[in-house]
Amino acid sequence: HGSDDLVGLDPGELVRTAVASTGLDDFGADTWRPHY
């Protein structure tokens, strides 16, 4: 049924979605971001 654009894995969009869905914006120290 699917193609890649049905379920996105854009790194910026995922971060924005996490922020919007929790109402929080502090991920703690940025040590995680290069790995992400």
PDB file of all heavy atoms in Angstrom:
ATOM      1  N   HIS A   1       0.806  -1.217   0.000  1.00  0.00           N
ATOM      2  CA  HIS A   1       0.000   0.000   0.000  1.00  0.00           C
ATOM      3  C   HIS A   1       0.843   1.272   0.000  1.00  0.00           C
ATOM      4  O   HIS A   1       0.338   2.350  -0.333  1.00  0.00           O
ATOM      5  CB  HIS A   1      -0.896   0.045   1.256  1.00  0.00           C
ATOM      6  CG  HIS A   1      -2.203  -0.621   1.083  1.00  0.00           C
ATOM      7  ND1 HIS A   1      -2.338  -1.987   1.061  1.00  0.00           N
ATOM      8  CD2 HIS A   1      -3.448  -0.118   0.923  1.00  0.00           C
ATOM      9  CE1 HIS A   1      -3.625  -2.292   0.885  1.00  0.00           C
ATOM     10  NE2 HIS A   1      -4.312  -1.175   0.805  1.00  0.00           N
ATOM     11  N   GLY A   2       2.107   1.176   0.434  1.00  0.00           N
ATOM     12  CA  GLY A   2       2.788   2.396   0.841  1.00  0.00           C
ATOM     13  C   GLY A   2       3.934   2.833  -0.030  1.00  0.00           C
ATOM     14  O   GLY A   2       4.477   2.096  -0.836  1.00  0.00           O
ATOM     15  N   SER A   3       4.287   4.076   0.161  1.00  0.00           N
ATOM     16  CA  SER A   3       5.506   4.658  -0.379  1.00  0.00           C
ATOM     17  C   SER A   3       6.164   5.434   0.750  1.00  0.00           C
ATOM     18  O   SER A   3       5.564   5.688   1.795  1.00  0.00           O
ATOM     19  CB  SER A   3       5.202   5.580  -1.564  1.00  0.00           C
ATOM     20  OG  SER A   3       4.337   6.621  -1.165  1.00  0.00           O
ATOM     21  N   ASP A   4       7.408   5.833   0.554  1.00  0.00           N
ATOM     22  CA  ASP A   4       8.185   6.434   1.630  1.00  0.00           C
ATOM     23  C   ASP A   4       7.553   7.692   2.196  1.00  0.00           C
ATOM     24  O   ASP A   4       7.701   7.982   3.387  1.00  0.00           O
ATOM     25  CB  ASP A   4       9.596   6.748   1.132  1.00  0.00           C
ATOM     26  CG  ASP A   4      10.419   5.479   0.889  1.00  0.00           C
ATOM     27  OD1 ASP A   4       9.907   4.390   1.187  1.00  0.00           O
ATOM     28  OD2 ASP A   4      11.547   5.599   0.402  1.00  0.00           O
ATOM     29  N   ASP A   5       6.837   8.447   1.378  1.00  0.00           N
ATOM     30  CA  ASP A   5       6.316   9.723   1.868  1.00  0.00           C
ATOM     31  C   ASP A   5       5.091   9.560   2.769  1.00  0.00           C
ATOM     32  O   ASP A   5       4.626  10.521   3.375  1.00  0.00           O
ATOM     33  CB  ASP A   5       5.989  10.656   0.695  1.00  0.00           C
ATOM     34  CG  ASP A   5       4.969  10.062  -0.274  1.00  0.00           C
ATOM     35  OD1 ASP A   5       4.551   8.903  -0.081  1.00  0.00           O
ATOM     36  OD2 ASP A   5       4.608  10.756  -1.236  1.00  0.00           O
ATOM     37  N   LEU A   6       4.569   8.325   2.904  1.00  0.00           N
ATOM     38  CA  LEU A   6       3.420   8.118   3.791  1.00  0.00           C
ATOM     39  C   LEU A   6       3.823   8.212   5.267  1.00  0.00           C
ATOM     40  O   LEU A   6       3.020   8.634   6.101  1.00  0.00           O
ATOM     41  CB  LEU A   6       2.783   6.750   3.526  1.00  0.00           C
ATOM     42  CG  LEU A   6       1.980   6.618   2.232  1.00  0.00           C
ATOM     43  CD1 LEU A   6       1.466   5.188   2.092  1.00  0.00           C
ATOM     44  CD2 LEU A   6       0.807   7.597   2.218  1.00  0.00           C
ATOM     45  N   VAL A   7       5.029   7.779   5.596  1.00  0.00           N
ATOM     46  CA  VAL A   7       5.523   7.813   6.983  1.00  0.00           C
ATOM     47  C   VAL A   7       6.888   8.479   6.953  1.00  0.00           C
ATOM     48  O   VAL A   7       7.889   7.875   6.579  1.00  0.00           O
ATOM     49  CB  VAL A   7       5.628   6.397   7.580  1.00  0.00           C
ATOM     50  CG1 VAL A   7       6.160   6.463   9.009  1.00  0.00           C
ATOM     51  CG2 VAL A   7       4.281   5.701   7.550  1.00  0.00           C
ATOM     52  N   GLY A   8       6.919   9.749   7.340  1.00  0.00           N
ATOM     53  CA  GLY A   8       8.141  10.535   7.224  1.00  0.00           C
ATOM     54  C   GLY A   8       9.149  10.247   8.322  1.00  0.00           C
ATOM     55  O   GLY A   8       8.800   9.935   9.458  1.00  0.00           O
ATOM     56  N   LEU A   9      10.431  10.379   7.953  1.00  0.00           N
ATOM     57  CA  LEU A   9      11.526  10.248   8.905  1.00  0.00           C
ATOM     58  C   LEU A   9      12.490  11.428   8.765  1.00  0.00           C
ATOM     59  O   LEU A   9      13.709  11.276   8.856  1.00  0.00           O
ATOM     60  CB  LEU A   9      12.271   8.918   8.677  1.00  0.00           C
ATOM     61  CG  LEU A   9      11.508   7.646   9.059  1.00  0.00           C
ATOM     62  CD1 LEU A   9      12.287   6.398   8.632  1.00  0.00           C
ATOM     63  CD2 LEU A   9      11.232   7.603  10.558  1.00  0.00           C
ATOM     64  N   ASP A  10      11.919  12.597   8.569  1.00  0.00           N
ATOM     65  CA  ASP A  10      12.740  13.799   8.505  1.00  0.00           C
ATOM     66  C   ASP A  10      13.159  14.174   9.931  1.00  0.00           C
ATOM     67  O   ASP A  10      12.305  14.322  10.818  1.00  0.00           O
ATOM     68  CB  ASP A  10      11.957  14.947   7.879  1.00  0.00           C
ATOM     69  CG  ASP A  10      12.743  16.242   7.886  1.00  0.00           C
ATOM     70  OD1 ASP A  10      13.621  16.394   7.029  1.00  0.00           O
ATOM     71  OD2 ASP A  10      12.496  17.092   8.783  1.00  0.00           O
ATOM     72  N   PRO A  11      14.457  14.335  10.198  1.00  0.00           N
ATOM     73  CA  PRO A  11      14.904  14.560  11.576  1.00  0.00           C
ATOM     74  C   PRO A  11      14.338  15.831  12.204  1.00  0.00           C
ATOM     75  O   PRO A  11      13.959  15.829  13.383  1.00  0.00           O
ATOM     76  CB  PRO A  11      16.423  14.622  11.455  1.00  0.00           C
ATOM     77  CG  PRO A  11      16.713  14.828  10.006  1.00  0.00           C
ATOM     78  CD  PRO A  11      15.589  14.217   9.258  1.00  0.00           C
ATOM     79  N   GLY A  12      14.250  16.920  11.425  1.00  0.00           N
ATOM     80  CA  GLY A  12      13.700  18.155  11.969  1.00  0.00           C
ATOM     81  C   GLY A  12      12.220  18.054  12.264  1.00  0.00           C
ATOM     82  O   GLY A  12      11.735  18.522  13.313  1.00  0.00           O
ATOM     83  N   GLU A  13      11.477  17.418  11.366  1.00  0.00           N
ATOM     84  CA  GLU A  13      10.031  17.270  11.578  1.00  0.00           C
ATOM     85  C   GLU A  13       9.739  16.399  12.787  1.00  0.00           C
ATOM     86  O   GLU A  13       8.809  16.674  13.562  1.00  0.00           O
ATOM     87  CB  GLU A  13       9.397  16.665  10.323  1.00  0.00           C
ATOM     88  CG  GLU A  13       7.879  16.505  10.401  1.00  0.00           C
ATOM     89  CD  GLU A  13       7.452  15.167  11.022  1.00  0.00           C
ATOM     90  OE1 GLU A  13       8.154  14.160  10.795  1.00  0.00           O
ATOM     91  OE2 GLU A  13       6.440  15.154  11.758  1.00  0.00           O
ATOM     92  N   LEU A  14      10.538  15.352  13.000  1.00  0.00           N
ATOM     93  CA  LEU A  14      10.333  14.496  14.157  1.00  0.00           C
ATOM     94  C   LEU A  14      10.557  15.262  15.463  1.00  0.00           C
ATOM     95  O   LEU A  14       9.804  15.109  16.429  1.00  0.00           O
ATOM     96  CB  LEU A  14      11.274  13.290  14.082  1.00  0.00           C
ATOM     97  CG  LEU A  14      10.878  12.211  13.055  1.00  0.00           C
ATOM     98  CD1 LEU A  14      12.056  11.303  12.748  1.00  0.00           C
ATOM     99  CD2 LEU A  14       9.703  11.389  13.563  1.00  0.00           C
ATOM    100  N   VAL A  15      11.579  16.092  15.503  1.00  0.00           N
ATOM    101  CA  VAL A  15      11.821  16.911  16.692  1.00  0.00           C
ATOM    102  C   VAL A  15      10.654  17.861  16.932  1.00  0.00           C
ATOM    103  O   VAL A  15      10.159  18.001  18.062  1.00  0.00           O
ATOM    104  CB  VAL A  15      13.146  17.684  16.541  1.00  0.00           C
ATOM    105  CG1 VAL A  15      13.273  18.759  17.627  1.00  0.00           C
ATOM    106  CG2 VAL A  15      14.339  16.734  16.606  1.00  0.00           C
ATOM    107  N   ARG A  16      10.191  18.511  15.869  1.00  0.00           N
ATOM    108  CA  ARG A  16       9.062  19.452  16.024  1.00  0.00           C
ATOM    109  C   ARG A  16       7.806  18.727  16.487  1.00  0.00           C
ATOM    110  O   ARG A  16       7.038  19.248  17.318  1.00  0.00           O
ATOM    111  CB  ARG A  16       8.820  20.181  14.703  1.00  0.00           C
ATOM    112  CG  ARG A  16       9.934  21.144  14.308  1.00  0.00           C
ATOM    113  CD  ARG A  16       9.536  22.014  13.125  1.00  0.00           C
ATOM    114  NE  ARG A  16       9.300  21.252  11.916  1.00  0.00           N
ATOM    115  CZ  ARG A  16      10.238  20.921  11.033  1.00  0.00           C
ATOM    116  NH1 ARG A  16      11.510  21.262  11.254  1.00  0.00           N
ATOM    117  NH2 ARG A  16       9.950  20.243   9.948  1.00  0.00           N
ATOM    118  N   THR A  17       7.575  17.531  15.976  1.00  0.00           N
ATOM    119  CA  THR A  17       6.399  16.763  16.387  1.00  0.00           C
ATOM    120  C   THR A  17       6.481  16.368  17.853  1.00  0.00           C
ATOM    121  O   THR A  17       5.488  16.437  18.585  1.00  0.00           O
ATOM    122  CB  THR A  17       6.254  15.507  15.505  1.00  0.00           C
ATOM    123  OG1 THR A  17       6.055  15.910  14.142  1.00  0.00           O
ATOM    124  CG2 THR A  17       5.074  14.656  15.943  1.00  0.00           C
ATOM    125  N   ALA A  18       7.659  15.956  18.302  1.00  0.00           N
ATOM    126  CA  ALA A  18       7.829  15.607  19.708  1.00  0.00           C
ATOM    127  C   ALA A  18       7.556  16.803  20.607  1.00  0.00           C
ATOM    128  O   ALA A  18       6.891  16.687  21.644  1.00  0.00           O
ATOM    129  CB  ALA A  18       9.241  15.067  19.944  1.00  0.00           C
ATOM    130  N   VAL A  19       8.052  17.959  20.214  1.00  0.00           N
ATOM    131  CA  VAL A  19       7.826  19.184  20.993  1.00  0.00           C
ATOM    132  C   VAL A  19       6.341  19.540  21.018  1.00  0.00           C
ATOM    133  O   VAL A  19       5.763  19.818  22.075  1.00  0.00           O
ATOM    134  CB  VAL A  19       8.666  20.347  20.412  1.00  0.00           C
ATOM    135  CG1 VAL A  19       8.236  21.686  21.013  1.00  0.00           C
ATOM    136  CG2 VAL A  19      10.154  20.105  20.649  1.00  0.00           C
ATOM    137  N   ALA A  20       5.707  19.497  19.856  1.00  0.00           N
ATOM    138  CA  ALA A  20       4.292  19.876  19.777  1.00  0.00           C
ATOM    139  C   ALA A  20       3.403  18.908  20.554  1.00  0.00           C
ATOM    140  O   ALA A  20       2.417  19.314  21.182  1.00  0.00           O
ATOM    141  CB  ALA A  20       3.858  19.931  18.314  1.00  0.00           C
ATOM    142  N   SER A  21       3.745  17.623  20.534  1.00  0.00           N
ATOM    143  CA  SER A  21       2.882  16.617  21.166  1.00  0.00           C
ATOM    144  C   SER A  21       3.020  16.593  22.687  1.00  0.00           C
ATOM    145  O   SER A  21       2.122  16.099  23.377  1.00  0.00           O
ATOM    146  CB  SER A  21       3.180  15.230  20.597  1.00  0.00           C
ATOM    147  OG  SER A  21       4.507  14.844  20.893  1.00  0.00           O
ATOM    148  N   THR A  22       4.125  17.108  23.213  1.00  0.00           N
ATOM    149  CA  THR A  22       4.325  17.110  24.665  1.00  0.00           C
ATOM    150  C   THR A  22       4.155  18.490  25.282  1.00  0.00           C
ATOM    151  O   THR A  22       3.958  18.605  26.496  1.00  0.00           O
ATOM    152  CB  THR A  22       5.743  16.606  25.018  1.00  0.00           C
ATOM    153  OG1 THR A  22       6.713  17.474  24.403  1.00  0.00           O
ATOM    154  CG2 THR A  22       5.950  15.171  24.555  1.00  0.00           C
ATOM    155  N   GLY A  23       4.267  19.545  24.465  1.00  0.00           N
ATOM    156  CA  GLY A  23       4.254  20.907  25.003  1.00  0.00           C
ATOM    157  C   GLY A  23       5.541  21.254  25.720  1.00  0.00           C
ATOM    158  O   GLY A  23       5.602  22.237  26.469  1.00  0.00           O
ATOM    159  N   LEU A  24       6.594  20.483  25.500  1.00  0.00           N
ATOM    160  CA  LEU A  24       7.892  20.693  26.137  1.00  0.00           C
ATOM    161  C   LEU A  24       8.941  20.951  25.061  1.00  0.00           C
ATOM    162  O   LEU A  24       8.795  20.496  23.924  1.00  0.00           O
ATOM    163  CB  LEU A  24       8.289  19.467  26.956  1.00  0.00           C
ATOM    164  CG  LEU A  24       7.294  19.019  28.047  1.00  0.00           C
ATOM    165  CD1 LEU A  24       7.651  17.631  28.562  1.00  0.00           C
ATOM    166  CD2 LEU A  24       7.256  20.030  29.185  1.00  0.00           C
ATOM    167  N   ASP A  25      10.011  21.650  25.428  1.00  0.00           N
ATOM    168  CA  ASP A  25      11.030  21.934  24.418  1.00  0.00           C
ATOM    169  C   ASP A  25      12.457  21.784  24.922  1.00  0.00           C
ATOM    170  O   ASP A  25      13.411  22.114  24.210  1.00  0.00           O
ATOM    171  CB  ASP A  25      10.840  23.341  23.840  1.00  0.00           C
ATOM    172  CG  ASP A  25      10.961  24.440  24.888  1.00  0.00           C
ATOM    173  OD1 ASP A  25      11.318  24.139  26.038  1.00  0.00           O
ATOM    174  OD2 ASP A  25      10.698  25.611  24.544  1.00  0.00           O
ATOM    175  N   ASP A  26      12.648  21.265  26.135  1.00  0.00           N
ATOM    176  CA  ASP A  26      13.990  21.101  26.686  1.00  0.00           C
ATOM    177  C   ASP A  26      14.383  19.632  26.601  1.00  0.00           C
ATOM    178  O   ASP A  26      13.875  18.792  27.346  1.00  0.00           O
ATOM    179  CB  ASP A  26      14.018  21.589  28.142  1.00  0.00           C
ATOM    180  CG  ASP A  26      15.418  21.527  28.748  1.00  0.00           C
ATOM    181  OD1 ASP A  26      16.362  21.128  28.035  1.00  0.00           O
ATOM    182  OD2 ASP A  26      15.562  21.871  29.942  1.00  0.00           O
ATOM    183  N   PHE A  27      15.321  19.326  25.675  1.00  0.00           N
ATOM    184  CA  PHE A  27      15.801  17.960  25.497  1.00  0.00           C
ATOM    185  C   PHE A  27      17.002  17.654  26.393  1.00  0.00           C
ATOM    186  O   PHE A  27      17.570  16.570  26.303  1.00  0.00           O
ATOM    187  CB  PHE A  27      16.204  17.724  24.036  1.00  0.00           C
ATOM    188  CG  PHE A  27      15.056  17.630  23.077  1.00  0.00           C
ATOM    189  CD1 PHE A  27      14.640  18.746  22.368  1.00  0.00           C
ATOM    190  CD2 PHE A  27      14.387  16.430  22.878  1.00  0.00           C
ATOM    191  CE1 PHE A  27      13.581  18.669  21.468  1.00  0.00           C
ATOM    192  CE2 PHE A  27      13.327  16.340  21.988  1.00  0.00           C
ATOM    193  CZ  PHE A  27      12.922  17.464  21.281  1.00  0.00           C
ATOM    194  N   GLY A  28      17.394  18.584  27.240  1.00  0.00           N
ATOM    195  CA  GLY A  28      18.584  18.391  28.051  1.00  0.00           C
ATOM    196  C   GLY A  28      19.831  18.705  27.250  1.00  0.00           C
ATOM    197  O   GLY A  28      19.783  19.321  26.176  1.00  0.00           O
ATOM    198  N   ALA A  29      20.978  18.291  27.760  1.00  0.00           N
ATOM    199  CA  ALA A  29      22.254  18.549  27.086  1.00  0.00           C
ATOM    200  C   ALA A  29      22.219  18.007  25.662  1.00  0.00           C
ATOM    201  O   ALA A  29      21.633  16.956  25.393  1.00  0.00           O
ATOM    202  CB  ALA A  29      23.392  17.905  27.870  1.00  0.00           C
ATOM    203  N   ASP A  30      22.878  18.721  24.740  1.00  0.00           N
ATOM    204  CA  ASP A  30      22.817  18.372  23.321  1.00  0.00           C
ATOM    205  C   ASP A  30      23.735  17.208  22.934  1.00  0.00           C
ATOM    206  O   ASP A  30      24.018  17.021  21.747  1.00  0.00           O
ATOM    207  CB  ASP A  30      23.178  19.589  22.467  1.00  0.00           C
ATOM    208  CG  ASP A  30      22.027  20.589  22.376  1.00  0.00           C
ATOM    209  OD1 ASP A  30      20.881  20.192  22.655  1.00  0.00           O
ATOM    210  OD2 ASP A  30      22.288  21.755  22.047  1.00  0.00           O
ATOM    211  N   THR A  31      24.172  16.426  23.890  1.00  0.00           N
ATOM    212  CA  THR A  31      25.069  15.318  23.574  1.00  0.00           C
ATOM    213  C   THR A  31      24.446  14.308  22.617  1.00  0.00           C
ATOM    214  O   THR A  31      25.146  13.616  21.873  1.00  0.00           O
ATOM    215  CB  THR A  31      25.471  14.587  24.870  1.00  0.00           C
ATOM    216  OG1 THR A  31      24.272  14.225  25.588  1.00  0.00           O
ATOM    217  CG2 THR A  31      26.322  15.491  25.767  1.00  0.00           C
ATOM    218  N   TRP A  32      23.124  14.226  22.629  1.00  0.00           N
ATOM    219  CA  TRP A  32      22.412  13.237  21.817  1.00  0.00           C
ATOM    220  C   TRP A  32      22.340  13.618  20.340  1.00  0.00           C
ATOM    221  O   TRP A  32      22.220  12.750  19.482  1.00  0.00           O
ATOM    222  CB  TRP A  32      20.978  13.075  22.335  1.00  0.00           C
ATOM    223  CG  TRP A  32      20.179  14.364  22.236  1.00  0.00           C
ATOM    224  CD1 TRP A  32      20.232  15.418  23.091  1.00  0.00           C
ATOM    225  CD2 TRP A  32      19.244  14.719  21.209  1.00  0.00           C
ATOM    226  NE1 TRP A  32      19.375  16.419  22.685  1.00  0.00           N
ATOM    227  CE2 TRP A  32      18.757  16.009  21.530  1.00  0.00           C
ATOM    228  CE3 TRP A  32      18.757  14.067  20.078  1.00  0.00           C
ATOM    229  CZ2 TRP A  32      17.814  16.661  20.736  1.00  0.00           C
ATOM    230  CZ3 TRP A  32      17.814  14.721  19.284  1.00  0.00           C
ATOM    231  CH2 TRP A  32      17.360  16.006  19.620  1.00  0.00           C
ATOM    232  N   ARG A  33      22.393  14.909  20.050  1.00  0.00           N
ATOM    233  CA  ARG A  33      22.038  15.379  18.707  1.00  0.00           C
ATOM    234  C   ARG A  33      22.972  14.864  17.602  1.00  0.00           C
ATOM    235  O   ARG A  33      22.470  14.469  16.527  1.00  0.00           O
ATOM    236  CB  ARG A  33      21.969  16.911  18.686  1.00  0.00           C
ATOM    237  CG  ARG A  33      21.362  17.471  17.387  1.00  0.00           C
ATOM    238  CD  ARG A  33      19.929  17.025  17.202  1.00  0.00           C
ATOM    239  NE  ARG A  33      19.456  17.194  15.852  1.00  0.00           N
ATOM    240  CZ  ARG A  33      18.406  17.965  15.496  1.00  0.00           C
ATOM    241  NH1 ARG A  33      17.748  18.636  16.425  1.00  0.00           N
ATOM    242  NH2 ARG A  33      18.021  18.043  14.252  1.00  0.00           N
ATOM    243  N   PRO A  34      24.299  14.837  17.792  1.00  0.00           N
ATOM    244  CA  PRO A  34      25.125  14.280  16.709  1.00  0.00           C
ATOM    245  C   PRO A  34      24.788  12.827  16.393  1.00  0.00           C
ATOM    246  O   PRO A  34      24.769  12.427  15.213  1.00  0.00           O
ATOM    247  CB  PRO A  34      26.549  14.426  17.265  1.00  0.00           C
ATOM    248  CG  PRO A  34      26.468  15.529  18.266  1.00  0.00           C
ATOM    249  CD  PRO A  34      25.112  15.394  18.883  1.00  0.00           C
ATOM    250  N   HIS A  35      24.520  12.026  17.427  1.00  0.00           N
ATOM    251  CA  HIS A  35      24.158  10.610  17.195  1.00  0.00           C
ATOM    252  C   HIS A  35      22.827  10.523  16.453  1.00  0.00           C
ATOM    253  O   HIS A  35      22.660   9.700  15.542  1.00  0.00           O
ATOM    254  CB  HIS A  35      24.059   9.868  18.525  1.00  0.00           C
ATOM    255  CG  HIS A  35      25.176  10.158  19.488  1.00  0.00           C
ATOM    256  ND1 HIS A  35      26.500  10.107  19.122  1.00  0.00           N
ATOM    257  CD2 HIS A  35      25.148  10.499  20.817  1.00  0.00           C
ATOM    258  CE1 HIS A  35      27.253  10.402  20.178  1.00  0.00           C
ATOM    259  NE2 HIS A  35      26.450  10.642  21.208  1.00  0.00           N
ATOM    260  N   TYR A  36      21.897  11.355  16.852  1.00  0.00           N
ATOM    261  CA  TYR A  36      20.565  11.384  16.231  1.00  0.00           C
ATOM    262  C   TYR A  36      20.671  11.718  14.741  1.00  0.00           C
ATOM    263  O   TYR A  36      20.058  11.052  13.895  1.00  0.00           O
ATOM    264  CB  TYR A  36      19.709  12.420  16.955  1.00  0.00           C
ATOM    265  CG  TYR A  36      18.369  12.723  16.336  1.00  0.00           C
ATOM    266  CD1 TYR A  36      17.272  11.897  16.562  1.00  0.00           C
ATOM    267  CD2 TYR A  36      18.185  13.858  15.547  1.00  0.00           C
ATOM    268  CE1 TYR A  36      16.030  12.194  16.016  1.00  0.00           C
ATOM    269  CE2 TYR A  36      16.946  14.166  14.999  1.00  0.00           C
ATOM    270  CZ  TYR A  36      15.872  13.332  15.231  1.00  0.00           C
ATOM    271  OH  TYR A  36      14.639  13.635  14.694  1.00  0.00           O
TER     272      TYR A  36
END
